[in-house]
PDB file of all heavy atoms in Angstrom:
ATOM      1  N   THR A   1      37.864 -33.550 -39.690  1.00  0.00           N
ATOM      2  CA  THR A   1      37.254 -34.839 -39.991  1.00  0.00           C
ATOM      3  C   THR A   1      36.409 -35.325 -38.805  1.00  0.00           C
ATOM      4  O   THR A   1      36.680 -34.988 -37.651  1.00  0.00           O
ATOM      5  CB  THR A   1      38.322 -35.899 -40.311  1.00  0.00           C
ATOM      6  OG1 THR A   1      39.216 -36.012 -39.183  1.00  0.00           O
ATOM      7  CG2 THR A   1      39.115 -35.496 -41.540  1.00  0.00           C
ATOM      8  N   LEU A   2      35.381 -36.104 -39.105  1.00  0.00           N
ATOM      9  CA  LEU A   2      34.507 -36.634 -38.067  1.00  0.00           C
ATOM     10  C   LEU A   2      35.160 -37.846 -37.423  1.00  0.00           C
ATOM     11  O   LEU A   2      35.455 -38.842 -38.089  1.00  0.00           O
ATOM     12  CB  LEU A   2      33.152 -37.018 -38.661  1.00  0.00           C
ATOM     13  CG  LEU A   2      32.077 -37.465 -37.667  1.00  0.00           C
ATOM     14  CD1 LEU A   2      31.735 -36.339 -36.706  1.00  0.00           C
ATOM     15  CD2 LEU A   2      30.830 -37.932 -38.402  1.00  0.00           C
ATOM     16  N   GLY A   3      35.404 -37.777 -36.114  1.00  0.00           N
ATOM     17  CA  GLY A   3      36.055 -38.865 -35.396  1.00  0.00           C
ATOM     18  C   GLY A   3      35.059 -39.795 -34.730  1.00  0.00           C
ATOM     19  O   GLY A   3      33.840 -39.597 -34.816  1.00  0.00           O
ATOM     20  N   PRO A   4      35.544 -40.827 -34.045  1.00  0.00           N
ATOM     21  CA  PRO A   4      34.658 -41.777 -33.360  1.00  0.00           C
ATOM     22  C   PRO A   4      33.933 -41.116 -32.194  1.00  0.00           C
ATOM     23  O   PRO A   4      34.534 -40.381 -31.406  1.00  0.00           O
ATOM     24  CB  PRO A   4      35.617 -42.872 -32.871  1.00  0.00           C
ATOM     25  CG  PRO A   4      36.951 -42.194 -32.774  1.00  0.00           C
ATOM     26  CD  PRO A   4      36.975 -41.175 -33.860  1.00  0.00           C
ATOM     27  N   ALA A   5      32.641 -41.373 -32.093  1.00  0.00           N
ATOM     28  CA  ALA A   5      31.834 -40.773 -31.029  1.00  0.00           C
ATOM     29  C   ALA A   5      32.189 -41.380 -29.676  1.00  0.00           C
ATOM     30  O   ALA A   5      32.744 -42.482 -29.575  1.00  0.00           O
ATOM     31  CB  ALA A   5      30.353 -40.976 -31.326  1.00  0.00           C
ATOM     32  N   VAL A   6      31.843 -40.619 -28.617  1.00  0.00           N
ATOM     33  CA  VAL A   6      32.096 -41.047 -27.248  1.00  0.00           C
ATOM     34  C   VAL A   6      30.820 -40.849 -26.439  1.00  0.00           C
ATOM     35  O   VAL A   6      30.113 -39.841 -26.602  1.00  0.00           O
ATOM     36  CB  VAL A   6      33.246 -40.234 -26.602  1.00  0.00           C
ATOM     37  CG1 VAL A   6      33.439 -40.631 -25.140  1.00  0.00           C
ATOM     38  CG2 VAL A   6      34.544 -40.441 -27.378  1.00  0.00           C
ATOM     39  N   ALA A   7      30.500 -41.804 -25.582  1.00  0.00           N
ATOM     40  CA  ALA A   7      29.361 -41.685 -24.662  1.00  0.00           C
ATOM     41  C   ALA A   7      29.882 -41.800 -23.237  1.00  0.00           C
ATOM     42  O   ALA A   7      30.734 -42.653 -22.939  1.00  0.00           O
ATOM     43  CB  ALA A   7      28.317 -42.755 -24.947  1.00  0.00           C
ATOM     44  N   THR A   8      29.392 -40.945 -22.354  1.00  0.00           N
ATOM     45  CA  THR A   8      29.840 -40.948 -20.958  1.00  0.00           C
ATOM     46  C   THR A   8      28.629 -40.954 -20.032  1.00  0.00           C
ATOM     47  O   THR A   8      27.520 -40.612 -20.430  1.00  0.00           O
ATOM     48  CB  THR A   8      30.690 -39.700 -20.646  1.00  0.00           C
ATOM     49  OG1 THR A   8      29.859 -38.529 -20.737  1.00  0.00           O
ATOM     50  CG2 THR A   8      31.844 -39.569 -21.622  1.00  0.00           C
ATOM     51  N   ASP A   9      28.874 -41.342 -18.782  1.00  0.00           N
ATOM     52  CA  ASP A   9      27.803 -41.328 -17.783  1.00  0.00           C
ATOM     53  C   ASP A   9      28.427 -41.376 -16.401  1.00  0.00           C
ATOM     54  O   ASP A   9      29.568 -41.839 -16.218  1.00  0.00           O
ATOM     55  CB  ASP A   9      26.857 -42.510 -17.976  1.00  0.00           C
ATOM     56  CG  ASP A   9      25.615 -42.394 -17.105  1.00  0.00           C
ATOM     57  OD1 ASP A   9      25.055 -41.284 -17.038  1.00  0.00           O
ATOM     58  OD2 ASP A   9      25.222 -43.396 -16.477  1.00  0.00           O
ATOM     59  N   ALA A  10      27.672 -40.885 -15.424  1.00  0.00           N
ATOM     60  CA  ALA A  10      28.077 -40.961 -14.012  1.00  0.00           C
ATOM     61  C   ALA A  10      26.851 -41.312 -13.189  1.00  0.00           C
ATOM     62  O   ALA A  10      25.724 -40.936 -13.533  1.00  0.00           O
ATOM     63  CB  ALA A  10      28.679 -39.637 -13.547  1.00  0.00           C
ATOM     64  N   SER A  11      27.066 -42.061 -12.127  1.00  0.00           N
ATOM     65  CA  SER A  11      25.970 -42.442 -11.228  1.00  0.00           C
ATOM     66  C   SER A  11      26.308 -41.984  -9.814  1.00  0.00           C
ATOM     67  O   SER A  11      27.479 -41.960  -9.417  1.00  0.00           O
ATOM     68  CB  SER A  11      25.743 -43.950 -11.264  1.00  0.00           C
ATOM     69  OG  SER A  11      26.875 -44.628 -10.746  1.00  0.00           O
ATOM     70  N   ARG A  12      25.275 -41.654  -9.067  1.00  0.00           N
ATOM     71  CA  ARG A  12      25.494 -41.177  -7.695  1.00  0.00           C
ATOM     72  C   ARG A  12      24.379 -41.723  -6.811  1.00  0.00           C
ATOM     73  O   ARG A  12      23.215 -41.362  -6.955  1.00  0.00           O
ATOM     74  CB  ARG A  12      25.490 -39.653  -7.655  1.00  0.00           C
ATOM     75  CG  ARG A  12      25.780 -39.055  -6.281  1.00  0.00           C
ATOM     76  CD  ARG A  12      25.883 -37.541  -6.407  1.00  0.00           C
ATOM     77  NE  ARG A  12      26.160 -36.913  -5.120  1.00  0.00           N
ATOM     78  CZ  ARG A  12      25.230 -36.510  -4.273  1.00  0.00           C
ATOM     79  NH1 ARG A  12      23.934 -36.673  -4.557  1.00  0.00           N
ATOM     80  NH2 ARG A  12      25.571 -35.941  -3.124  1.00  0.00           N
ATOM     81  N   SER A  13      24.744 -42.632  -5.940  1.00  0.00           N
ATOM     82  CA  SER A  13      23.789 -43.216  -5.001  1.00  0.00           C
ATOM     83  C   SER A  13      24.534 -43.638  -3.742  1.00  0.00           C
ATOM     84  O   SER A  13      25.771 -43.617  -3.689  1.00  0.00           O
ATOM     85  CB  SER A  13      23.067 -44.414  -5.632  1.00  0.00           C
ATOM     86  OG  SER A  13      23.981 -45.451  -5.913  1.00  0.00           O
ATOM     87  N   ARG A  14      23.797 -44.047  -2.728  1.00  0.00           N
ATOM     88  CA  ARG A  14      24.433 -44.482  -1.490  1.00  0.00           C
ATOM     89  C   ARG A  14      25.259 -45.744  -1.685  1.00  0.00           C
ATOM     90  O   ARG A  14      26.304 -45.932  -1.082  1.00  0.00           O
ATOM     91  CB  ARG A  14      23.378 -44.713  -0.426  1.00  0.00           C
ATOM     92  CG  ARG A  14      22.682 -43.436   0.058  1.00  0.00           C
ATOM     93  CD  ARG A  14      21.703 -43.750   1.166  1.00  0.00           C
ATOM     94  NE  ARG A  14      21.068 -42.532   1.670  1.00  0.00           N
ATOM     95  CZ  ARG A  14      20.161 -42.526   2.636  1.00  0.00           C
ATOM     96  NH1 ARG A  14      19.781 -43.673   3.215  1.00  0.00           N
ATOM     97  NH2 ARG A  14      19.627 -41.384   3.042  1.00  0.00           N
ATOM     98  N   SER A  15      24.777 -46.615  -2.534  1.00  0.00           N
ATOM     99  CA  SER A  15      25.454 -47.899  -2.724  1.00  0.00           C
ATOM    100  C   SER A  15      26.608 -47.830  -3.715  1.00  0.00           C
ATOM    101  O   SER A  15      27.589 -48.573  -3.579  1.00  0.00           O
ATOM    102  CB  SER A  15      24.441 -48.949  -3.188  1.00  0.00           C
ATOM    103  OG  SER A  15      23.839 -48.536  -4.416  1.00  0.00           O
ATOM    104  N   HIS A  16      26.488 -46.940  -4.722  1.00  0.00           N
ATOM    105  CA  HIS A  16      27.522 -46.927  -5.772  1.00  0.00           C
ATOM    106  C   HIS A  16      27.579 -45.542  -6.412  1.00  0.00           C
ATOM    107  O   HIS A  16      26.574 -45.037  -6.909  1.00  0.00           O
ATOM    108  CB  HIS A  16      27.207 -47.979  -6.841  1.00  0.00           C
ATOM    109  CG  HIS A  16      28.269 -48.068  -7.907  1.00  0.00           C
ATOM    110  ND1 HIS A  16      29.333 -48.935  -7.810  1.00  0.00           N
ATOM    111  CD2 HIS A  16      28.432 -47.400  -9.070  1.00  0.00           C
ATOM    112  CE1 HIS A  16      30.096 -48.810  -8.877  1.00  0.00           C
ATOM    113  NE2 HIS A  16      29.569 -47.879  -9.664  1.00  0.00           N
ATOM    114  N   THR A  17      28.761 -44.933  -6.401  1.00  0.00           N
ATOM    115  CA  THR A  17      28.998 -43.670  -7.106  1.00  0.00           C
ATOM    116  C   THR A  17      30.187 -43.870  -8.026  1.00  0.00           C
ATOM    117  O   THR A  17      31.310 -44.092  -7.555  1.00  0.00           O
ATOM    118  CB  THR A  17      29.283 -42.523  -6.123  1.00  0.00           C
ATOM    119  OG1 THR A  17      28.168 -42.371  -5.242  1.00  0.00           O
ATOM    120  CG2 THR A  17      29.504 -41.216  -6.875  1.00  0.00           C
ATOM    121  N   GLY A  18      29.938 -43.848  -9.314  1.00  0.00           N
ATOM    122  CA  GLY A  18      31.013 -44.128 -10.258  1.00  0.00           C
ATOM    123  C   GLY A  18      30.786 -43.434 -11.582  1.00  0.00           C
ATOM    124  O   GLY A  18      29.804 -42.720 -11.794  1.00  0.00           O
ATOM    125  N   GLY A  19      31.713 -43.638 -12.478  1.00  0.00           N
ATOM    126  CA  GLY A  19      31.640 -43.051 -13.815  1.00  0.00           C
ATOM    127  C   GLY A  19      32.188 -44.012 -14.838  1.00  0.00           C
ATOM    128  O   GLY A  19      32.879 -44.985 -14.501  1.00  0.00           O
ATOM    129  N   GLY A  20      31.873 -43.728 -16.091  1.00  0.00           N
ATOM    130  CA  GLY A  20      32.366 -44.583 -17.164  1.00  0.00           C
ATOM    131  C   GLY A  20      32.190 -43.921 -18.514  1.00  0.00           C
ATOM    132  O   GLY A  20      31.414 -42.978 -18.670  1.00  0.00           O
ATOM    133  N   TRP A  21      32.937 -44.414 -19.481  1.00  0.00           N
ATOM    134  CA  TRP A  21      32.839 -43.911 -20.850  1.00  0.00           C
ATOM    135  C   TRP A  21      33.253 -45.004 -21.817  1.00  0.00           C
ATOM    136  O   TRP A  21      33.944 -45.956 -21.443  1.00  0.00           O
ATOM    137  CB  TRP A  21      33.748 -42.684 -21.053  1.00  0.00           C
ATOM    138  CG  TRP A  21      35.210 -42.968 -20.813  1.00  0.00           C
ATOM    139  CD1 TRP A  21      35.892 -42.847 -19.650  1.00  0.00           C
ATOM    140  CD2 TRP A  21      36.169 -43.467 -21.772  1.00  0.00           C
ATOM    141  NE1 TRP A  21      37.197 -43.211 -19.803  1.00  0.00           N
ATOM    142  CE2 TRP A  21      37.397 -43.594 -21.104  1.00  0.00           C
ATOM    143  CE3 TRP A  21      36.110 -43.806 -23.124  1.00  0.00           C
ATOM    144  CZ2 TRP A  21      38.548 -44.051 -21.738  1.00  0.00           C
ATOM    145  CZ3 TRP A  21      37.255 -44.260 -23.766  1.00  0.00           C
ATOM    146  CH2 TRP A  21      38.462 -44.376 -23.084  1.00  0.00           C
ATOM    147  N   PHE A  22      32.812 -44.870 -23.041  1.00  0.00           N
ATOM    148  CA  PHE A  22      33.304 -45.759 -24.098  1.00  0.00           C
ATOM    149  C   PHE A  22      33.352 -44.987 -25.402  1.00  0.00           C
ATOM    150  O   PHE A  22      32.587 -44.039 -25.624  1.00  0.00           O
ATOM    151  CB  PHE A  22      32.427 -47.007 -24.232  1.00  0.00           C
ATOM    152  CG  PHE A  22      31.138 -46.776 -24.951  1.00  0.00           C
ATOM    153  CD1 PHE A  22      31.032 -46.973 -26.323  1.00  0.00           C
ATOM    154  CD2 PHE A  22      30.006 -46.362 -24.255  1.00  0.00           C
ATOM    155  CE1 PHE A  22      29.846 -46.753 -26.987  1.00  0.00           C
ATOM    156  CE2 PHE A  22      28.813 -46.142 -24.907  1.00  0.00           C
ATOM    157  CZ  PHE A  22      28.731 -46.344 -26.286  1.00  0.00           C
ATOM    158  N   SER A  23      34.277 -45.369 -26.252  1.00  0.00           N
ATOM    159  CA  SER A  23      34.444 -44.759 -27.564  1.00  0.00           C
ATOM    160  C   SER A  23      34.027 -45.752 -28.641  1.00  0.00           C
ATOM    161  O   SER A  23      34.157 -46.971 -28.458  1.00  0.00           O
ATOM    162  CB  SER A  23      35.905 -44.341 -27.784  1.00  0.00           C
ATOM    163  OG  SER A  23      36.125 -43.957 -29.132  1.00  0.00           O
ATOM    164  N   PHE A  24      33.524 -45.233 -29.760  1.00  0.00           N
ATOM    165  CA  PHE A  24      33.107 -46.101 -30.855  1.00  0.00           C
ATOM    166  C   PHE A  24      34.301 -46.767 -31.531  1.00  0.00           C
ATOM    167  O   PHE A  24      34.117 -47.626 -32.396  1.00  0.00           O
ATOM    168  CB  PHE A  24      32.304 -45.293 -31.876  1.00  0.00           C
ATOM    169  CG  PHE A  24      30.856 -45.127 -31.492  1.00  0.00           C
ATOM    170  CD1 PHE A  24      30.505 -44.793 -30.189  1.00  0.00           C
ATOM    171  CD2 PHE A  24      29.845 -45.306 -32.418  1.00  0.00           C
ATOM    172  CE1 PHE A  24      29.189 -44.634 -29.822  1.00  0.00           C
ATOM    173  CE2 PHE A  24      28.516 -45.154 -32.068  1.00  0.00           C
ATOM    174  CZ  PHE A  24      28.178 -44.820 -30.764  1.00  0.00           C
ATOM    175  N   CYS A  25      35.519 -46.369 -31.139  1.00  0.00           N
ATOM    176  CA  CYS A  25      36.698 -47.060 -31.668  1.00  0.00           C
ATOM    177  C   CYS A  25      36.948 -48.376 -30.926  1.00  0.00           C
ATOM    178  O   CYS A  25      37.798 -49.163 -31.328  1.00  0.00           O
ATOM    179  CB  CYS A  25      37.931 -46.163 -31.583  1.00  0.00           C
ATOM    180  SG  CYS A  25      38.515 -45.879 -29.898  1.00  0.00           S
ATOM    181  N   GLY A  26      36.237 -48.605 -29.804  1.00  0.00           N
ATOM    182  CA  GLY A  26      36.339 -49.871 -29.084  1.00  0.00           C
ATOM    183  C   GLY A  26      36.902 -49.752 -27.680  1.00  0.00           C
ATOM    184  O   GLY A  26      36.786 -50.686 -26.887  1.00  0.00           O
ATOM    185  N   LEU A  27      37.510 -48.618 -27.321  1.00  0.00           N
ATOM    186  CA  LEU A  27      38.083 -48.463 -25.989  1.00  0.00           C
ATOM    187  C   LEU A  27      37.014 -48.018 -24.993  1.00  0.00           C
ATOM    188  O   LEU A  27      36.064 -47.323 -25.358  1.00  0.00           O
ATOM    189  CB  LEU A  27      39.214 -47.442 -26.015  1.00  0.00           C
ATOM    190  CG  LEU A  27      40.436 -47.805 -26.883  1.00  0.00           C
ATOM    191  CD1 LEU A  27      41.458 -46.694 -26.852  1.00  0.00           C
ATOM    192  CD2 LEU A  27      41.055 -49.111 -26.413  1.00  0.00           C
ATOM    193  N   TYR A  28      37.173 -48.424 -23.747  1.00  0.00           N
ATOM    194  CA  TYR A  28      36.245 -48.002 -22.698  1.00  0.00           C
ATOM    195  C   TYR A  28      36.942 -48.063 -21.351  1.00  0.00           C
ATOM    196  O   TYR A  28      38.007 -48.663 -21.198  1.00  0.00           O
ATOM    197  CB  TYR A  28      34.993 -48.900 -22.688  1.00  0.00           C
ATOM    198  CG  TYR A  28      35.247 -50.328 -22.245  1.00  0.00           C
ATOM    199  CD1 TYR A  28      35.071 -50.713 -20.911  1.00  0.00           C
ATOM    200  CD2 TYR A  28      35.649 -51.310 -23.161  1.00  0.00           C
ATOM    201  CE1 TYR A  28      35.293 -52.018 -20.497  1.00  0.00           C
ATOM    202  CE2 TYR A  28      35.874 -52.609 -22.767  1.00  0.00           C
ATOM    203  CZ  TYR A  28      35.692 -52.965 -21.429  1.00  0.00           C
ATOM    204  OH  TYR A  28      35.920 -54.261 -21.028  1.00  0.00           O
ATOM    205  N   ASP A  29      36.307 -47.444 -20.341  1.00  0.00           N
ATOM    206  CA  ASP A  29      36.863 -47.448 -18.992  1.00  0.00           C
ATOM    207  C   ASP A  29      35.741 -47.133 -18.008  1.00  0.00           C
ATOM    208  O   ASP A  29      34.724 -46.533 -18.371  1.00  0.00           O
ATOM    209  CB  ASP A  29      37.986 -46.413 -18.866  1.00  0.00           C
ATOM    210  CG  ASP A  29      38.808 -46.615 -17.597  1.00  0.00           C
ATOM    211  OD1 ASP A  29      38.643 -47.682 -16.961  1.00  0.00           O
ATOM    212  OD2 ASP A  29      39.594 -45.721 -17.242  1.00  0.00           O
ATOM    213  N   PHE A  30      35.915 -47.524 -16.753  1.00  0.00           N
ATOM    214  CA  PHE A  30      34.958 -47.205 -15.695  1.00  0.00           C
ATOM    215  C   PHE A  30      35.688 -47.226 -14.364  1.00  0.00           C
ATOM    216  O   PHE A  30      36.763 -47.814 -14.233  1.00  0.00           O
ATOM    217  CB  PHE A  30      33.780 -48.194 -15.703  1.00  0.00           C
ATOM    218  CG  PHE A  30      34.173 -49.626 -15.479  1.00  0.00           C
ATOM    219  CD1 PHE A  30      34.064 -50.205 -14.212  1.00  0.00           C
ATOM    220  CD2 PHE A  30      34.664 -50.405 -16.526  1.00  0.00           C
ATOM    221  CE1 PHE A  30      34.428 -51.519 -13.997  1.00  0.00           C
ATOM    222  CE2 PHE A  30      35.034 -51.724 -16.315  1.00  0.00           C
ATOM    223  CZ  PHE A  30      34.915 -52.287 -15.060  1.00  0.00           C
ATOM    224  N   TRP A  31      35.103 -46.586 -13.337  1.00  0.00           N
ATOM    225  CA  TRP A  31      35.769 -46.445 -12.050  1.00  0.00           C
ATOM    226  C   TRP A  31      34.729 -46.148 -10.967  1.00  0.00           C
ATOM    227  O   TRP A  31      33.559 -45.857 -11.259  1.00  0.00           O
ATOM    228  CB  TRP A  31      36.793 -45.299 -12.106  1.00  0.00           C
ATOM    229  CG  TRP A  31      36.180 -43.985 -12.478  1.00  0.00           C
ATOM    230  CD1 TRP A  31      35.665 -43.045 -11.645  1.00  0.00           C
ATOM    231  CD2 TRP A  31      35.985 -43.496 -13.809  1.00  0.00           C
ATOM    232  NE1 TRP A  31      35.175 -41.988 -12.356  1.00  0.00           N
ATOM    233  CE2 TRP A  31      35.359 -42.240 -13.694  1.00  0.00           C
ATOM    234  CE3 TRP A  31      36.295 -43.992 -15.080  1.00  0.00           C
ATOM    235  CZ2 TRP A  31      35.026 -41.471 -14.804  1.00  0.00           C
ATOM    236  CZ3 TRP A  31      35.959 -43.224 -16.179  1.00  0.00           C
ATOM    237  CH2 TRP A  31      35.336 -41.985 -16.039  1.00  0.00           C
TER     238      TRP A  31
END
């Protein structure tokens, strides 16, 4: 079965290096 999609990303710079994701079910996180 087709489940909820997920999108992710990461950034890398001198000022901020982090990552994050969110799901179409409503949950998300970042760090």
